[in-house]
Amino acid sequence: MIPATTVEQHITQWLQRMVIDQNLCPFAKKPFTAGLVRIAVSEAHNDEALLSALHDEITLLNSRKPEALETTLLVAPRMLDDFLDYNDFLDLADGLLEQYGWQGVYQIASFHPRYQFAETEVDDAENYTNRAPWPVLHILREASLETAIATYPNPDNIPLRNIDTMQRLGEEVLSKTLEDILKDSGSSH
């Protein structure tokens, strides 16, 4: 069993080395550097417990201004190892947003160790735009996202630029980077 502090280190390294250093999300560096990104590692072993943790994290975000806490990455290292199970859970997460009237206020971005876009092969480099060391539910504030997009030139080009970046780096380098992140803390997933 991997300690929560180790999982948090993995996610922090992934944010720095993949998301920020490769500029996959041009909006990530500022809140990360300012300490406004919360990494919450859930001990959940089932859907109900993870939904409860998701509710708690959104409630926490709701209680704070973006200047104090911009976003949360809820990590689920004890479950959702299978990508299809993870994908099914996203429907439950969206249902939670709807149930509490949080649609249009928050959205959930998805990251998984075996993330695979439709119409791609398992080892296609572009899948690494959404691959993380552990299953992650990234809770984003819609208003902050809209503000960031409004001030960014050609935001519609971000996904295509990310695919180009991943293809340029190649699956072998990207796979090794994720493996190295897991090894840096003395564990493997």
N, C-alpha and C. Protein backbone atom coordinates (compact mmCIF):
# COMPACT_ATOMS: atom_id res chain seq x y z
N MET A 1 0.85 -1.19 0.00
CA MET A 1 0.00 0.00 0.00
C MET A 1 0.89 1.24 0.00
N ILE A 2 0.71 2.07 -1.00
CA ILE A 2 1.50 3.29 -1.15
C ILE A 2 0.96 4.36 -0.20
N PRO A 3 1.82 4.99 0.59
CA PRO A 3 1.35 6.06 1.49
C PRO A 3 0.81 7.27 0.71
N ALA A 4 -0.17 7.93 1.28
CA ALA A 4 -0.78 9.11 0.64
C ALA A 4 0.26 10.18 0.34
N THR A 5 1.25 10.35 1.21
CA THR A 5 2.28 11.37 0.97
C THR A 5 3.10 11.05 -0.28
N THR A 6 3.32 9.77 -0.54
CA THR A 6 4.05 9.36 -1.74
C THR A 6 3.21 9.62 -2.99
N VAL A 7 1.92 9.29 -2.93
CA VAL A 7 1.02 9.55 -4.05
C VAL A 7 0.99 11.05 -4.34
N GLU A 8 0.94 11.86 -3.28
CA GLU A 8 0.94 13.32 -3.46
C GLU A 8 2.24 13.78 -4.14
N GLN A 9 3.37 13.19 -3.75
CA GLN A 9 4.65 13.53 -4.40
C GLN A 9 4.62 13.16 -5.88
N HIS A 10 4.05 12.01 -6.20
CA HIS A 10 3.94 11.59 -7.61
C HIS A 10 3.15 12.62 -8.41
N ILE A 11 2.02 13.03 -7.86
CA ILE A 11 1.16 13.98 -8.57
C ILE A 11 1.85 15.34 -8.69
N THR A 12 2.53 15.77 -7.66
CA THR A 12 3.26 17.04 -7.71
C THR A 12 4.34 16.99 -8.79
N GLN A 13 5.09 15.89 -8.83
CA GLN A 13 6.12 15.75 -9.87
C GLN A 13 5.50 15.70 -11.26
N TRP A 14 4.40 14.99 -11.41
CA TRP A 14 3.72 14.92 -12.70
C TRP A 14 3.25 16.32 -13.14
N LEU A 15 2.67 17.07 -12.21
CA LEU A 15 2.25 18.43 -12.54
C LEU A 15 3.43 19.25 -13.05
N GLN A 16 4.55 19.17 -12.34
CA GLN A 16 5.72 19.95 -12.72
C GLN A 16 6.33 19.45 -14.03
N ARG A 17 6.61 18.17 -14.13
CA ARG A 17 7.37 17.63 -15.25
C ARG A 17 6.56 17.45 -16.53
N MET A 18 5.30 17.12 -16.40
CA MET A 18 4.48 16.87 -17.59
C MET A 18 3.58 18.07 -17.91
N VAL A 19 2.75 18.45 -16.96
CA VAL A 19 1.74 19.47 -17.24
C VAL A 19 2.37 20.86 -17.42
N ILE A 20 3.26 21.24 -16.51
CA ILE A 20 3.83 22.59 -16.57
C ILE A 20 5.05 22.65 -17.50
N ASP A 21 6.01 21.76 -17.30
CA ASP A 21 7.22 21.81 -18.13
C ASP A 21 6.92 21.60 -19.62
N GLN A 22 5.93 20.78 -19.93
CA GLN A 22 5.56 20.55 -21.34
C GLN A 22 4.46 21.52 -21.79
N ASN A 23 4.03 22.39 -20.87
CA ASN A 23 3.02 23.42 -21.15
C ASN A 23 1.71 22.82 -21.68
N LEU A 24 1.33 21.64 -21.15
CA LEU A 24 0.08 21.02 -21.58
C LEU A 24 -1.12 21.87 -21.19
N CYS A 25 -1.01 22.52 -20.04
CA CYS A 25 -2.05 23.47 -19.64
C CYS A 25 -1.36 24.80 -19.37
N PRO A 26 -1.53 25.76 -20.27
CA PRO A 26 -0.86 27.05 -20.07
C PRO A 26 -1.36 27.83 -18.86
N PHE A 27 -2.43 27.34 -18.23
CA PHE A 27 -3.01 28.03 -17.08
C PHE A 27 -2.58 27.40 -15.76
N ALA A 28 -1.77 26.34 -15.79
CA ALA A 28 -1.45 25.59 -14.58
C ALA A 28 -0.31 26.19 -13.76
N LYS A 29 0.66 26.79 -14.41
CA LYS A 29 1.86 27.23 -13.70
C LYS A 29 1.57 28.27 -12.61
N LYS A 30 0.77 29.26 -12.95
CA LYS A 30 0.53 30.36 -12.01
C LYS A 30 -0.09 29.88 -10.70
N PRO A 31 -1.22 29.14 -10.72
CA PRO A 31 -1.77 28.70 -9.43
C PRO A 31 -0.88 27.67 -8.73
N PHE A 32 -0.17 26.84 -9.50
CA PHE A 32 0.72 25.84 -8.90
C PHE A 32 1.84 26.54 -8.15
N THR A 33 2.48 27.51 -8.79
CA THR A 33 3.59 28.24 -8.18
C THR A 33 3.13 29.06 -6.97
N ALA A 34 1.89 29.54 -7.03
CA ALA A 34 1.34 30.35 -5.93
C ALA A 34 0.81 29.50 -4.78
N GLY A 35 0.87 28.18 -4.92
CA GLY A 35 0.38 27.30 -3.86
C GLY A 35 -1.14 27.24 -3.76
N LEU A 36 -1.82 27.45 -4.88
CA LEU A 36 -3.28 27.47 -4.90
C LEU A 36 -3.89 26.18 -5.43
N VAL A 37 -3.04 25.15 -5.61
CA VAL A 37 -3.50 23.86 -6.10
C VAL A 37 -3.47 22.86 -4.95
N ARG A 38 -4.62 22.31 -4.64
CA ARG A 38 -4.71 21.31 -3.57
C ARG A 38 -4.65 19.92 -4.20
N ILE A 39 -3.82 19.07 -3.64
CA ILE A 39 -3.78 17.66 -4.02
C ILE A 39 -4.35 16.88 -2.85
N ALA A 40 -5.51 16.28 -3.07
CA ALA A 40 -6.19 15.51 -2.02
C ALA A 40 -6.15 14.04 -2.41
N VAL A 41 -5.51 13.24 -1.60
CA VAL A 41 -5.41 11.80 -1.85
C VAL A 41 -6.51 11.09 -1.07
N SER A 42 -7.40 10.45 -1.80
CA SER A 42 -8.52 9.75 -1.17
C SER A 42 -8.13 8.32 -0.82
N GLU A 43 -8.62 7.87 0.31
CA GLU A 43 -8.43 6.47 0.73
C GLU A 43 -9.61 5.61 0.28
N ALA A 44 -10.52 6.18 -0.53
CA ALA A 44 -11.73 5.47 -0.96
C ALA A 44 -11.40 4.16 -1.67
N HIS A 45 -12.25 3.16 -1.38
CA HIS A 45 -12.14 1.86 -2.04
C HIS A 45 -13.39 1.54 -2.85
N ASN A 46 -14.38 2.45 -2.82
CA ASN A 46 -15.60 2.20 -3.59
C ASN A 46 -16.18 3.53 -4.09
N ASP A 47 -17.12 3.42 -5.02
CA ASP A 47 -17.69 4.61 -5.66
C ASP A 47 -18.32 5.57 -4.66
N GLU A 48 -19.07 5.04 -3.69
CA GLU A 48 -19.75 5.92 -2.73
C GLU A 48 -18.75 6.73 -1.92
N ALA A 49 -17.67 6.09 -1.49
CA ALA A 49 -16.67 6.81 -0.69
C ALA A 49 -15.96 7.86 -1.53
N LEU A 50 -15.68 7.54 -2.79
CA LEU A 50 -15.02 8.53 -3.65
C LEU A 50 -15.96 9.68 -3.99
N LEU A 51 -17.23 9.38 -4.20
CA LEU A 51 -18.21 10.45 -4.44
C LEU A 51 -18.31 11.36 -3.21
N SER A 52 -18.26 10.77 -2.04
CA SER A 52 -18.28 11.56 -0.80
C SER A 52 -17.05 12.46 -0.72
N ALA A 53 -15.89 11.92 -1.07
CA ALA A 53 -14.66 12.72 -1.07
C ALA A 53 -14.75 13.84 -2.10
N LEU A 54 -15.32 13.54 -3.26
CA LEU A 54 -15.49 14.57 -4.30
C LEU A 54 -16.42 15.67 -3.80
N HIS A 55 -17.51 15.29 -3.16
CA HIS A 55 -18.43 16.26 -2.57
C HIS A 55 -17.71 17.15 -1.57
N ASP A 56 -16.91 16.52 -0.70
CA ASP A 56 -16.18 17.28 0.33
C ASP A 56 -15.20 18.27 -0.29
N GLU A 57 -14.52 17.84 -1.35
CA GLU A 57 -13.54 18.73 -1.99
C GLU A 57 -14.21 19.90 -2.70
N ILE A 58 -15.35 19.65 -3.33
CA ILE A 58 -16.07 20.76 -3.98
C ILE A 58 -16.64 21.70 -2.92
N THR A 59 -17.12 21.14 -1.81
CA THR A 59 -17.61 21.97 -0.71
C THR A 59 -16.49 22.86 -0.18
N LEU A 60 -15.29 22.29 -0.06
CA LEU A 60 -14.13 23.08 0.39
C LEU A 60 -13.83 24.19 -0.61
N LEU A 61 -13.80 23.88 -1.90
CA LEU A 61 -13.57 24.91 -2.92
C LEU A 61 -14.64 26.00 -2.84
N ASN A 62 -15.88 25.57 -2.62
CA ASN A 62 -17.00 26.51 -2.52
C ASN A 62 -16.84 27.46 -1.35
N SER A 63 -16.15 27.01 -0.31
CA SER A 63 -16.00 27.83 0.90
C SER A 63 -14.82 28.80 0.81
N ARG A 64 -14.05 28.70 -0.25
CA ARG A 64 -12.86 29.55 -0.39
C ARG A 64 -12.90 30.31 -1.70
N LYS A 65 -12.32 31.48 -1.68
CA LYS A 65 -12.18 32.27 -2.90
C LYS A 65 -11.03 31.69 -3.73
N PRO A 66 -11.06 31.88 -5.05
CA PRO A 66 -9.98 31.37 -5.89
C PRO A 66 -8.60 31.90 -5.49
N GLU A 67 -8.56 33.09 -4.91
CA GLU A 67 -7.28 33.66 -4.48
C GLU A 67 -6.67 32.88 -3.31
N ALA A 68 -7.50 32.08 -2.64
CA ALA A 68 -7.03 31.27 -1.51
C ALA A 68 -6.84 29.80 -1.91
N LEU A 69 -7.70 29.32 -2.81
CA LEU A 69 -7.62 27.94 -3.30
C LEU A 69 -8.28 27.90 -4.67
N GLU A 70 -7.47 27.73 -5.70
CA GLU A 70 -7.98 27.79 -7.07
C GLU A 70 -8.60 26.47 -7.53
N THR A 71 -7.95 25.37 -7.23
CA THR A 71 -8.38 24.11 -7.81
C THR A 71 -7.93 22.94 -6.95
N THR A 72 -8.56 21.79 -7.16
CA THR A 72 -8.21 20.58 -6.42
C THR A 72 -8.04 19.41 -7.37
N LEU A 73 -7.00 18.64 -7.12
CA LEU A 73 -6.82 17.37 -7.81
C LEU A 73 -7.12 16.28 -6.78
N LEU A 74 -8.23 15.59 -6.98
CA LEU A 74 -8.62 14.49 -6.10
C LEU A 74 -8.07 13.21 -6.71
N VAL A 75 -7.17 12.56 -5.98
CA VAL A 75 -6.46 11.39 -6.47
C VAL A 75 -7.05 10.14 -5.82
N ALA A 76 -7.26 9.10 -6.64
CA ALA A 76 -7.88 7.86 -6.17
C ALA A 76 -6.93 6.68 -6.39
N PRO A 77 -5.89 6.54 -5.54
CA PRO A 77 -4.91 5.48 -5.77
C PRO A 77 -5.38 4.08 -5.36
N ARG A 78 -6.49 3.99 -4.64
CA ARG A 78 -6.95 2.69 -4.12
C ARG A 78 -8.03 2.05 -4.98
N MET A 79 -8.42 2.74 -6.07
CA MET A 79 -9.50 2.22 -6.93
C MET A 79 -9.41 2.81 -8.33
N LEU A 80 -10.27 2.38 -9.20
CA LEU A 80 -10.37 2.87 -10.58
C LEU A 80 -9.11 2.62 -11.39
N ASP A 81 -8.42 1.53 -11.07
CA ASP A 81 -7.22 1.16 -11.81
C ASP A 81 -7.54 0.87 -13.28
N ASP A 82 -8.72 0.30 -13.52
CA ASP A 82 -9.15 0.00 -14.88
C ASP A 82 -9.72 1.28 -15.52
N PHE A 83 -9.25 1.62 -16.72
CA PHE A 83 -9.67 2.87 -17.35
C PHE A 83 -11.17 2.89 -17.64
N LEU A 84 -11.75 1.75 -18.01
CA LEU A 84 -13.19 1.72 -18.29
C LEU A 84 -14.00 1.97 -17.02
N ASP A 85 -13.55 1.42 -15.89
CA ASP A 85 -14.21 1.70 -14.61
C ASP A 85 -14.10 3.19 -14.28
N TYR A 86 -12.92 3.75 -14.52
CA TYR A 86 -12.70 5.17 -14.29
C TYR A 86 -13.67 6.00 -15.14
N ASN A 87 -13.76 5.64 -16.42
CA ASN A 87 -14.65 6.35 -17.34
C ASN A 87 -16.10 6.29 -16.85
N ASP A 88 -16.52 5.11 -16.38
CA ASP A 88 -17.88 4.96 -15.84
C ASP A 88 -18.07 5.85 -14.60
N PHE A 89 -17.03 5.95 -13.78
CA PHE A 89 -17.14 6.79 -12.57
C PHE A 89 -17.34 8.26 -12.94
N LEU A 90 -16.77 8.70 -14.05
CA LEU A 90 -16.94 10.10 -14.46
C LEU A 90 -18.41 10.46 -14.63
N ASP A 91 -19.23 9.50 -15.08
CA ASP A 91 -20.67 9.75 -15.19
C ASP A 91 -21.28 9.99 -13.80
N LEU A 92 -20.82 9.22 -12.80
CA LEU A 92 -21.30 9.42 -11.43
C LEU A 92 -20.86 10.79 -10.91
N ALA A 93 -19.64 11.18 -11.23
CA ALA A 93 -19.13 12.48 -10.79
C ALA A 93 -19.94 13.61 -11.42
N ASP A 94 -20.25 13.48 -12.70
CA ASP A 94 -21.08 14.50 -13.35
C ASP A 94 -22.48 14.53 -12.73
N GLY A 95 -22.99 13.36 -12.35
CA GLY A 95 -24.28 13.29 -11.66
C GLY A 95 -24.25 14.02 -10.33
N LEU A 96 -23.13 13.93 -9.62
CA LEU A 96 -22.98 14.65 -8.36
C LEU A 96 -23.02 16.17 -8.60
N LEU A 97 -22.33 16.63 -9.63
CA LEU A 97 -22.36 18.06 -9.96
C LEU A 97 -23.80 18.51 -10.23
N GLU A 98 -24.53 17.70 -10.97
CA GLU A 98 -25.91 18.04 -11.29
C GLU A 98 -26.79 18.01 -10.03
N GLN A 99 -26.62 17.00 -9.22
CA GLN A 99 -27.42 16.83 -8.00
C GLN A 99 -27.32 18.04 -7.07
N TYR A 100 -26.11 18.62 -6.96
CA TYR A 100 -25.90 19.73 -6.03
C TYR A 100 -25.92 21.10 -6.70
N GLY A 101 -26.33 21.14 -7.96
CA GLY A 101 -26.41 22.42 -8.67
C GLY A 101 -25.06 23.03 -8.98
N TRP A 102 -24.05 22.19 -9.13
CA TRP A 102 -22.69 22.67 -9.38
C TRP A 102 -22.30 22.65 -10.85
N GLN A 103 -23.21 22.19 -11.73
CA GLN A 103 -22.91 22.26 -13.15
C GLN A 103 -22.84 23.72 -13.56
N GLY A 104 -21.86 24.05 -14.37
CA GLY A 104 -21.67 25.45 -14.76
C GLY A 104 -20.85 26.24 -13.75
N VAL A 105 -20.65 25.66 -12.56
CA VAL A 105 -19.81 26.28 -11.53
C VAL A 105 -18.46 25.56 -11.47
N TYR A 106 -18.52 24.23 -11.54
CA TYR A 106 -17.32 23.40 -11.54
C TYR A 106 -17.40 22.41 -12.70
N GLN A 107 -16.25 21.97 -13.14
CA GLN A 107 -16.18 20.87 -14.09
C GLN A 107 -15.03 19.96 -13.67
N ILE A 108 -15.09 18.74 -14.13
CA ILE A 108 -14.07 17.77 -13.76
C ILE A 108 -13.27 17.38 -14.99
N ALA A 109 -11.97 17.62 -14.92
CA ALA A 109 -11.06 17.17 -15.97
C ALA A 109 -10.52 15.81 -15.53
N SER A 110 -10.32 14.93 -16.49
CA SER A 110 -9.97 13.55 -16.14
C SER A 110 -8.56 13.17 -16.58
N PHE A 111 -7.87 12.47 -15.67
CA PHE A 111 -6.51 11.98 -15.91
C PHE A 111 -6.40 10.58 -15.32
N HIS A 112 -5.73 9.70 -16.05
CA HIS A 112 -5.64 8.30 -15.63
C HIS A 112 -4.35 7.70 -16.20
N PRO A 113 -3.74 6.75 -15.49
CA PRO A 113 -2.50 6.13 -15.99
C PRO A 113 -2.65 5.45 -17.35
N ARG A 114 -3.86 4.99 -17.66
CA ARG A 114 -4.08 4.30 -18.94
C ARG A 114 -5.11 5.05 -19.80
N TYR A 115 -5.11 6.36 -19.67
CA TYR A 115 -6.06 7.17 -20.43
C TYR A 115 -5.90 6.87 -21.92
N GLN A 116 -7.05 6.73 -22.58
CA GLN A 116 -7.01 6.49 -24.03
C GLN A 116 -8.18 7.19 -24.68
N PHE A 117 -7.86 8.09 -25.60
CA PHE A 117 -8.90 8.78 -26.35
C PHE A 117 -9.52 7.81 -27.35
N ALA A 118 -10.78 8.05 -27.67
CA ALA A 118 -11.46 7.26 -28.70
C ALA A 118 -10.68 7.41 -30.00
N GLU A 119 -10.68 6.37 -30.78
CA GLU A 119 -10.01 6.36 -32.10
C GLU A 119 -8.49 6.41 -32.00
N THR A 120 -7.93 6.08 -30.84
CA THR A 120 -6.47 6.01 -30.72
C THR A 120 -6.08 4.60 -30.30
N GLU A 121 -4.82 4.28 -30.51
CA GLU A 121 -4.26 3.03 -30.03
C GLU A 121 -3.73 3.26 -28.61
N VAL A 122 -3.61 2.20 -27.83
CA VAL A 122 -3.17 2.30 -26.44
C VAL A 122 -1.84 3.05 -26.32
N ASP A 123 -0.92 2.79 -27.24
CA ASP A 123 0.41 3.39 -27.13
C ASP A 123 0.60 4.66 -27.95
N ASP A 124 -0.50 5.27 -28.39
CA ASP A 124 -0.38 6.55 -29.11
C ASP A 124 0.06 7.65 -28.14
N ALA A 125 1.03 8.42 -28.55
CA ALA A 125 1.61 9.46 -27.69
C ALA A 125 0.57 10.49 -27.23
N GLU A 126 -0.41 10.79 -28.06
CA GLU A 126 -1.38 11.82 -27.70
C GLU A 126 -2.19 11.48 -26.45
N ASN A 127 -2.29 10.20 -26.10
CA ASN A 127 -2.99 9.82 -24.87
C ASN A 127 -2.32 10.38 -23.63
N TYR A 128 -1.04 10.69 -23.73
CA TYR A 128 -0.29 11.20 -22.58
C TYR A 128 -0.69 12.61 -22.18
N THR A 129 -1.47 13.30 -23.00
CA THR A 129 -1.97 14.61 -22.56
C THR A 129 -2.87 14.44 -21.34
N ASN A 130 -3.45 13.25 -21.17
CA ASN A 130 -4.36 12.99 -20.05
C ASN A 130 -3.92 11.79 -19.19
N ARG A 131 -2.66 11.42 -19.31
CA ARG A 131 -2.16 10.33 -18.46
C ARG A 131 -1.46 10.92 -17.25
N ALA A 132 -1.75 10.31 -16.11
CA ALA A 132 -1.15 10.71 -14.84
C ALA A 132 -0.72 9.45 -14.11
N PRO A 133 0.11 9.57 -13.10
CA PRO A 133 0.57 8.38 -12.37
C PRO A 133 -0.56 7.62 -11.66
N TRP A 134 -1.63 8.32 -11.30
CA TRP A 134 -2.77 7.74 -10.59
C TRP A 134 -4.06 8.30 -11.16
N PRO A 135 -5.20 7.64 -10.94
CA PRO A 135 -6.48 8.23 -11.36
C PRO A 135 -6.71 9.56 -10.65
N VAL A 136 -7.03 10.59 -11.42
CA VAL A 136 -7.22 11.95 -10.88
C VAL A 136 -8.53 12.53 -11.39
N LEU A 137 -9.26 13.16 -10.48
CA LEU A 137 -10.41 13.99 -10.81
C LEU A 137 -9.98 15.42 -10.52
N HIS A 138 -9.78 16.20 -11.57
CA HIS A 138 -9.32 17.58 -11.40
C HIS A 138 -10.54 18.49 -11.39
N ILE A 139 -10.81 19.09 -10.24
CA ILE A 139 -11.97 19.96 -10.07
C ILE A 139 -11.57 21.39 -10.45
N LEU A 140 -12.20 21.87 -11.51
CA LEU A 140 -11.90 23.20 -12.03
C LEU A 140 -13.06 24.15 -11.79
N ARG A 141 -12.73 25.39 -11.48
CA ARG A 141 -13.75 26.43 -11.37
C ARG A 141 -14.05 26.94 -12.79
N GLU A 142 -15.29 26.85 -13.20
CA GLU A 142 -15.67 27.29 -14.55
C GLU A 142 -15.35 28.77 -14.77
N ALA A 143 -15.62 29.63 -13.80
CA ALA A 143 -15.38 31.06 -13.96
C ALA A 143 -13.90 31.35 -14.18
N SER A 144 -13.04 30.67 -13.42
CA SER A 144 -11.59 30.86 -13.57
C SER A 144 -11.13 30.38 -14.93
N LEU A 145 -11.67 29.26 -15.37
CA LEU A 145 -11.32 28.71 -16.68
C LEU A 145 -11.74 29.66 -17.80
N GLU A 146 -12.95 30.18 -17.69
CA GLU A 146 -13.44 31.12 -18.71
C GLU A 146 -12.58 32.38 -18.76
N THR A 147 -12.17 32.89 -17.61
CA THR A 147 -11.31 34.07 -17.55
C THR A 147 -9.96 33.78 -18.19
N ALA A 148 -9.38 32.64 -17.86
CA ALA A 148 -8.07 32.27 -18.41
C ALA A 148 -8.14 32.10 -19.93
N ILE A 149 -9.18 31.44 -20.39
CA ILE A 149 -9.33 31.22 -21.84
C ILE A 149 -9.54 32.53 -22.57
N ALA A 150 -10.29 33.46 -21.96
CA ALA A 150 -10.58 34.74 -22.61
C ALA A 150 -9.32 35.57 -22.82
N THR A 151 -8.32 35.37 -21.97
CA THR A 151 -7.10 36.19 -22.08
C THR A 151 -5.96 35.45 -22.78
N TYR A 152 -6.22 34.23 -23.25
CA TYR A 152 -5.18 33.43 -23.89
C TYR A 152 -5.38 33.46 -25.41
N PRO A 153 -4.31 33.75 -26.16
CA PRO A 153 -4.47 33.79 -27.62
C PRO A 153 -4.71 32.39 -28.20
N ASN A 154 -5.72 32.26 -29.02
CA ASN A 154 -6.06 31.01 -29.71
C ASN A 154 -6.19 29.80 -28.79
N PRO A 155 -7.06 29.86 -27.80
CA PRO A 155 -7.20 28.73 -26.87
C PRO A 155 -7.67 27.44 -27.56
N ASP A 156 -8.35 27.57 -28.69
CA ASP A 156 -8.80 26.38 -29.41
C ASP A 156 -7.63 25.56 -29.96
N ASN A 157 -6.45 26.18 -30.06
CA ASN A 157 -5.28 25.47 -30.56
C ASN A 157 -4.56 24.65 -29.49
N ILE A 158 -4.93 24.81 -28.23
CA ILE A 158 -4.23 24.12 -27.14
C ILE A 158 -4.24 22.60 -27.34
N PRO A 159 -5.40 21.96 -27.58
CA PRO A 159 -5.37 20.50 -27.75
C PRO A 159 -4.48 20.04 -28.91
N LEU A 160 -4.54 20.74 -30.03
CA LEU A 160 -3.70 20.35 -31.18
C LEU A 160 -2.22 20.55 -30.88
N ARG A 161 -1.90 21.64 -30.20
CA ARG A 161 -0.50 21.88 -29.81
C ARG A 161 -0.02 20.79 -28.86
N ASN A 162 -0.89 20.39 -27.93
CA ASN A 162 -0.53 19.34 -26.98
C ASN A 162 -0.28 18.00 -27.68
N ILE A 163 -1.13 17.68 -28.64
CA ILE A 163 -0.94 16.44 -29.40
C ILE A 163 0.39 16.49 -30.14
N ASP A 164 0.69 17.62 -30.76
CA ASP A 164 1.98 17.79 -31.47
C ASP A 164 3.14 17.61 -30.50
N THR A 165 3.03 18.21 -29.31
CA THR A 165 4.10 18.09 -28.31
C THR A 165 4.30 16.64 -27.91
N MET A 166 3.21 15.93 -27.65
CA MET A 166 3.31 14.54 -27.22
C MET A 166 3.89 13.67 -28.35
N GLN A 167 3.46 13.92 -29.57
CA GLN A 167 3.99 13.14 -30.69
C GLN A 167 5.46 13.43 -30.92
N ARG A 168 5.86 14.66 -30.74
CA ARG A 168 7.27 15.03 -30.90
C ARG A 168 8.14 14.33 -29.84
N LEU A 169 7.64 14.29 -28.60
CA LEU A 169 8.38 13.62 -27.53
C LEU A 169 8.40 12.11 -27.72
N GLY A 170 7.28 11.57 -28.16
CA GLY A 170 7.17 10.14 -28.43
C GLY A 170 6.76 9.33 -27.22
N GLU A 171 6.08 8.22 -27.50
CA GLU A 171 5.53 7.36 -26.45
C GLU A 171 6.62 6.82 -25.53
N GLU A 172 7.76 6.48 -26.07
CA GLU A 172 8.83 5.91 -25.26
C GLU A 172 9.32 6.89 -24.19
N VAL A 173 9.56 8.12 -24.59
CA VAL A 173 10.01 9.15 -23.64
C VAL A 173 8.93 9.45 -22.61
N LEU A 174 7.69 9.56 -23.07
CA LEU A 174 6.58 9.88 -22.17
C LEU A 174 6.33 8.77 -21.16
N SER A 175 6.35 7.54 -21.64
CA SER A 175 6.18 6.39 -20.76
C SER A 175 7.29 6.34 -19.71
N LYS A 176 8.51 6.59 -20.14
CA LYS A 176 9.66 6.58 -19.23
C LYS A 176 9.52 7.71 -18.20
N THR A 177 9.05 8.86 -18.61
CA THR A 177 8.86 9.97 -17.67
C THR A 177 7.89 9.58 -16.56
N LEU A 178 6.76 8.98 -16.93
CA LEU A 178 5.80 8.56 -15.90
C LEU A 178 6.40 7.47 -15.01
N GLU A 179 7.14 6.53 -15.61
CA GLU A 179 7.81 5.49 -14.81
C GLU A 179 8.80 6.12 -13.84
N ASP A 180 9.58 7.09 -14.32
CA ASP A 180 10.57 7.76 -13.48
C ASP A 180 9.91 8.49 -12.32
N ILE A 181 8.78 9.11 -12.57
CA ILE A 181 8.06 9.81 -11.51
C ILE A 181 7.68 8.82 -10.40
N LEU A 182 7.21 7.66 -10.79
CA LEU A 182 6.84 6.64 -9.80
C LEU A 182 8.08 6.07 -9.09
N LYS A 183 9.19 5.94 -9.79
CA LYS A 183 10.41 5.40 -9.20
C LYS A 183 11.09 6.40 -8.26
N ASP A 184 10.97 7.69 -8.57
CA ASP A 184 11.61 8.73 -7.77
C ASP A 184 11.23 8.63 -6.30
N SER A 185 10.06 8.12 -6.03
CA SER A 185 9.60 7.99 -4.65
C SER A 185 9.74 6.56 -4.13
N GLY A 186 10.42 5.74 -4.92
CA GLY A 186 10.69 4.38 -4.48
C GLY A 186 9.50 3.44 -4.58
N SER A 187 8.57 3.71 -5.49
CA SER A 187 7.44 2.82 -5.65
C SER A 187 7.15 2.60 -7.12
N SER A 188 6.40 1.58 -7.41
CA SER A 188 5.96 1.39 -8.78
C SER A 188 4.48 1.05 -8.75
N HIS A 189 3.80 1.44 -9.81
CA HIS A 189 2.34 1.32 -9.85
C HIS A 189 1.98 0.35 -10.94
